[in-house]
Amino acid sequence: MYVVFWWPLPQGTPELAPEVEALRSQALIYTESRPRQIDDASLILAAANSEYVWVNFARGTERVPSTKIPVGSSTEVLGCTITVLESHPERPRGRGAGSASSWALIAVQCPESATPTATDPTAQDEPTGAPTP
C-alpha cells in the first residue's frame, strides 16, 4: 500500500502596491498556452509559478518569446506595459501537452498605435482657419 500526500501549490497573490492594484479592473485572466488578442498585440501565458510568470508577447510583426515577469510587478515589452497581479500554478495532470492549466491575472497596457489610421480618400480637408460662410 502506498500513501501519497498532495499539497496544493502556493499561489502567487502578493500584497500589491496601490498603483498595481489600481490595474485590477483592466486585468484579464490568461490560461496557460491559450493566446489572447489585445488590440494589435497578443499574449500567451507560457508558464507560471508562485513567484514568476513567463509570457510570449507579440505586437504587430514583432515577437518576444519567454519574458519572465515577477508576480506583483510590471515590465515593458515592445512598448507595452505588462503587469502581473496574480499567478495560480497547477500541477500537470499527465504527461501530454496541455495537461496543466496554470493561470494568471495580467494587465496589458499599450499606447495608441503609431500607425496612422486609414482615411476616406474621397474626403476633402478644409483649410485651417478658413472662414465659415
C-alpha atoms as a PDB file:
ATOM      1  CA  MET A   1       0.000   0.000   0.000  1.00  0.00           C
ATOM      2  CA  TYR A   2       1.245   3.463  -0.942  1.00  0.00           C
ATOM      3  CA  VAL A   3       0.235   6.709   0.672  1.00  0.00           C
ATOM      4  CA  VAL A   4       0.563   9.814  -1.435  1.00  0.00           C
ATOM      5  CA  PHE A   5       0.362  13.292   0.013  1.00  0.00           C
ATOM      6  CA  TRP A   6      -0.672  16.018  -2.372  1.00  0.00           C
ATOM      7  CA  TRP A   7      -0.240  19.571  -1.133  1.00  0.00           C
ATOM      8  CA  PRO A   8      -1.625  22.403  -3.179  1.00  0.00           C
ATOM      9  CA  LEU A   9       0.924  24.559  -4.928  1.00  0.00           C
ATOM     10  CA  PRO A  10       1.390  28.023  -3.456  1.00  0.00           C
ATOM     11  CA  GLN A  11      -0.459  30.745  -5.308  1.00  0.00           C
ATOM     12  CA  GLY A  12       1.268  33.972  -6.335  1.00  0.00           C
ATOM     13  CA  THR A  13      -1.026  36.552  -4.771  1.00  0.00           C
ATOM     14  CA  PRO A  14       1.250  39.055  -3.044  1.00  0.00           C
ATOM     15  CA  GLU A  15       0.122  42.259  -1.426  1.00  0.00           C
ATOM     16  CA  LEU A  16       0.193  44.721  -4.306  1.00  0.00           C
ATOM     17  CA  ALA A  17       1.366  48.311  -4.436  1.00  0.00           C
ATOM     18  CA  PRO A  18      -1.589  50.727  -4.866  1.00  0.00           C
ATOM     19  CA  GLU A  19      -0.612  51.567  -8.471  1.00  0.00           C
ATOM     20  CA  VAL A  20      -0.576  47.852  -9.365  1.00  0.00           C
ATOM     21  CA  GLU A  21      -3.837  47.136  -7.516  1.00  0.00           C
ATOM     22  CA  ALA A  22      -5.453  50.003  -9.471  1.00  0.00           C
ATOM     23  CA  LEU A  23      -4.989  47.922 -12.668  1.00  0.00           C
ATOM     24  CA  ARG A  24      -7.189  45.067 -11.396  1.00  0.00           C
ATOM     25  CA  SER A  25     -10.253  46.305 -13.315  1.00  0.00           C
ATOM     26  CA  GLN A  26      -8.215  46.237 -16.572  1.00  0.00           C
ATOM     27  CA  ALA A  27      -6.620  42.836 -15.939  1.00  0.00           C
ATOM     28  CA  LEU A  28      -7.695  39.666 -17.723  1.00  0.00           C
ATOM     29  CA  ILE A  29      -7.304  36.019 -16.825  1.00  0.00           C
ATOM     30  CA  TYR A  30      -4.768  34.281 -19.059  1.00  0.00           C
ATOM     31  CA  THR A  31      -4.818  30.489 -19.081  1.00  0.00           C
ATOM     32  CA  GLU A  32      -1.591  28.672 -19.895  1.00  0.00           C
ATOM     33  CA  SER A  33      -0.956  28.111 -23.621  1.00  0.00           C
ATOM     34  CA  ARG A  34      -4.090  29.970 -24.735  1.00  0.00           C
ATOM     35  CA  PRO A  35      -3.360  33.174 -26.647  1.00  0.00           C
ATOM     36  CA  ARG A  36      -5.443  36.302 -26.144  1.00  0.00           C
ATOM     37  CA  GLN A  37      -5.594  39.218 -28.550  1.00  0.00           C
ATOM     38  CA  ILE A  38      -5.344  42.750 -27.113  1.00  0.00           C
ATOM     39  CA  ASP A  39      -5.883  45.307 -29.887  1.00  0.00           C
ATOM     40  CA  ASP A  40      -2.747  44.923 -32.064  1.00  0.00           C
ATOM     41  CA  ALA A  41      -0.956  42.671 -29.552  1.00  0.00           C
ATOM     42  CA  SER A  42      -1.155  39.035 -28.475  1.00  0.00           C
ATOM     43  CA  LEU A  43      -0.079  37.458 -25.185  1.00  0.00           C
ATOM     44  CA  ILE A  44       0.356  33.783 -24.300  1.00  0.00           C
ATOM     45  CA  LEU A  45       0.964  32.637 -20.739  1.00  0.00           C
ATOM     46  CA  ALA A  46       3.788  30.122 -21.230  1.00  0.00           C
ATOM     47  CA  ALA A  47       4.227  29.099 -17.574  1.00  0.00           C
ATOM     48  CA  ALA A  48       3.507  30.262 -14.046  1.00  0.00           C
ATOM     49  CA  ASN A  49       4.715  29.547 -10.552  1.00  0.00           C
ATOM     50  CA  SER A  50       4.083  31.414  -7.298  1.00  0.00           C
ATOM     51  CA  GLU A  51       6.898  33.915  -7.919  1.00  0.00           C
ATOM     52  CA  TYR A  52       7.043  34.437 -11.709  1.00  0.00           C
ATOM     53  CA  VAL A  53       5.120  34.095 -14.937  1.00  0.00           C
ATOM     54  CA  TRP A  54       6.635  33.604 -18.370  1.00  0.00           C
ATOM     55  CA  VAL A  55       4.808  35.144 -21.308  1.00  0.00           C
ATOM     56  CA  ASN A  56       5.228  35.155 -25.065  1.00  0.00           C
ATOM     57  CA  PHE A  57       4.247  38.567 -26.429  1.00  0.00           C
ATOM     58  CA  ALA A  58       3.719  39.811 -29.967  1.00  0.00           C
ATOM     59  CA  ARG A  59       2.798  43.246 -31.282  1.00  0.00           C
ATOM     60  CA  GLY A  60       2.369  43.825 -34.975  1.00  0.00           C
ATOM     61  CA  THR A  61       5.113  41.796 -36.650  1.00  0.00           C
ATOM     62  CA  GLU A  62       7.472  41.803 -33.631  1.00  0.00           C
ATOM     63  CA  ARG A  63       7.612  38.899 -31.166  1.00  0.00           C
ATOM     64  CA  VAL A  64       9.329  38.416 -27.816  1.00  0.00           C
ATOM     65  CA  PRO A  65       9.334  34.840 -26.524  1.00  0.00           C
ATOM     66  CA  SER A  66       9.624  33.812 -22.879  1.00  0.00           C
ATOM     67  CA  THR A  67       9.652  37.075 -20.947  1.00  0.00           C
ATOM     68  CA  LYS A  68       9.944  36.401 -17.193  1.00  0.00           C
ATOM     69  CA  ILE A  69       7.873  38.772 -15.014  1.00  0.00           C
ATOM     70  CA  PRO A  70       7.778  38.683 -11.192  1.00  0.00           C
ATOM     71  CA  VAL A  71       4.263  38.409  -9.741  1.00  0.00           C
ATOM     72  CA  GLY A  72       3.168  41.810  -8.416  1.00  0.00           C
ATOM     73  CA  SER A  73       5.295  43.812 -10.843  1.00  0.00           C
ATOM     74  CA  SER A  74       5.408  45.231 -14.361  1.00  0.00           C
ATOM     75  CA  THR A  75       7.774  45.082 -17.291  1.00  0.00           C
ATOM     76  CA  GLU A  76       7.854  46.829 -20.651  1.00  0.00           C
ATOM     77  CA  VAL A  77       7.810  44.654 -23.770  1.00  0.00           C
ATOM     78  CA  LEU A  78       7.582  46.081 -27.307  1.00  0.00           C
ATOM     79  CA  GLY A  79       6.356  49.425 -25.978  1.00  0.00           C
ATOM     80  CA  CYS A  80       3.589  47.861 -23.857  1.00  0.00           C
ATOM     81  CA  THR A  81       3.486  47.504 -20.082  1.00  0.00           C
ATOM     82  CA  ILE A  82       2.637  44.013 -18.831  1.00  0.00           C
ATOM     83  CA  THR A  83       1.636  43.816 -15.148  1.00  0.00           C
ATOM     84  CA  VAL A  84       1.147  40.513 -13.312  1.00  0.00           C
ATOM     85  CA  LEU A  85      -1.281  40.797 -10.407  1.00  0.00           C
ATOM     86  CA  GLU A  86      -1.679  37.099  -9.510  1.00  0.00           C
ATOM     87  CA  SER A  87      -0.442  33.675 -10.575  1.00  0.00           C
ATOM     88  CA  HIS A  88      -2.134  30.332  -9.998  1.00  0.00           C
ATOM     89  CA  PRO A  89       0.154  27.409 -10.912  1.00  0.00           C
ATOM     90  CA  GLU A  90      -1.295  23.953 -11.498  1.00  0.00           C
ATOM     91  CA  ARG A  91       0.382  20.579 -11.346  1.00  0.00           C
ATOM     92  CA  PRO A  92       0.451  18.577 -14.576  1.00  0.00           C
ATOM     93  CA  ARG A  93      -2.355  16.021 -14.714  1.00  0.00           C
ATOM     94  CA  GLY A  94      -0.474  13.707 -17.039  1.00  0.00           C
ATOM     95  CA  ARG A  95       2.432  13.602 -19.417  1.00  0.00           C
ATOM     96  CA  GLY A  96       0.789  15.087 -22.505  1.00  0.00           C
ATOM     97  CA  ALA A  97       0.963  18.661 -23.670  1.00  0.00           C
ATOM     98  CA  GLY A  98      -1.750  20.828 -22.167  1.00  0.00           C
ATOM     99  CA  SER A  99      -2.126  18.615 -19.111  1.00  0.00           C
ATOM    100  CA  ALA A 100      -1.623  21.601 -16.791  1.00  0.00           C
ATOM    101  CA  SER A 101      -3.776  24.684 -16.737  1.00  0.00           C
ATOM    102  CA  SER A 102      -1.995  27.360 -14.755  1.00  0.00           C
ATOM    103  CA  TRP A 103      -3.490  30.822 -14.992  1.00  0.00           C
ATOM    104  CA  ALA A 104      -2.569  34.379 -14.125  1.00  0.00           C
ATOM    105  CA  LEU A 105      -4.278  37.742 -13.794  1.00  0.00           C
ATOM    106  CA  ILE A 106      -2.436  40.119 -16.130  1.00  0.00           C
ATOM    107  CA  ALA A 107      -2.996  43.704 -17.279  1.00  0.00           C
ATOM    108  CA  VAL A 108      -1.572  44.761 -20.648  1.00  0.00           C
ATOM    109  CA  GLN A 109      -1.358  48.449 -21.473  1.00  0.00           C
ATOM    110  CA  CYS A 110      -0.233  49.546 -24.918  1.00  0.00           C
ATOM    111  CA  PRO A 111      -0.088  53.155 -26.096  1.00  0.00           C
ATOM    112  CA  GLU A 112      -2.081  54.025 -29.158  1.00  0.00           C
ATOM    113  CA  SER A 113      -0.510  52.555 -32.258  1.00  0.00           C
ATOM    114  CA  ALA A 114       1.827  54.921 -34.086  1.00  0.00           C
ATOM    115  CA  THR A 115       0.468  53.604 -37.372  1.00  0.00           C
ATOM    116  CA  PRO A 116      -1.844  56.171 -38.964  1.00  0.00           C
ATOM    117  CA  THR A 117      -5.395  55.045 -39.479  1.00  0.00           C
ATOM    118  CA  ALA A 118      -6.860  54.771 -42.952  1.00  0.00           C
ATOM    119  CA  THR A 119      -8.835  57.775 -44.088  1.00  0.00           C
ATOM    120  CA  ASP A 120     -11.593  58.175 -46.646  1.00  0.00           C
ATOM    121  CA  PRO A 121      -9.809  59.024 -49.927  1.00  0.00           C
ATOM    122  CA  THR A 122     -12.856  60.967 -51.128  1.00  0.00           C
ATOM    123  CA  ALA A 123     -12.918  63.286 -48.114  1.00  0.00           C
ATOM    124  CA  GLN A 124     -11.759  66.850 -48.649  1.00  0.00           C
ATOM    125  CA  ASP A 125      -9.684  68.519 -45.985  1.00  0.00           C
ATOM    126  CA  GLU A 126     -10.797  72.034 -45.174  1.00  0.00           C
ATOM    127  CA  PRO A 127      -8.016  74.558 -44.927  1.00  0.00           C
ATOM    128  CA  THR A 128      -7.187  75.587 -41.387  1.00  0.00           C
ATOM    129  CA  GLY A 129      -8.511  78.990 -40.452  1.00  0.00           C
ATOM    130  CA  ALA A 130     -10.847  79.197 -43.449  1.00  0.00           C
ATOM    131  CA  PRO A 131     -13.817  81.493 -42.845  1.00  0.00           C
ATOM    132  CA  THR A 132     -17.144  79.787 -42.448  1.00  0.00           C
ATOM    133  CA  PRO A 133     -19.969  81.020 -44.671  1.00  0.00           C
END
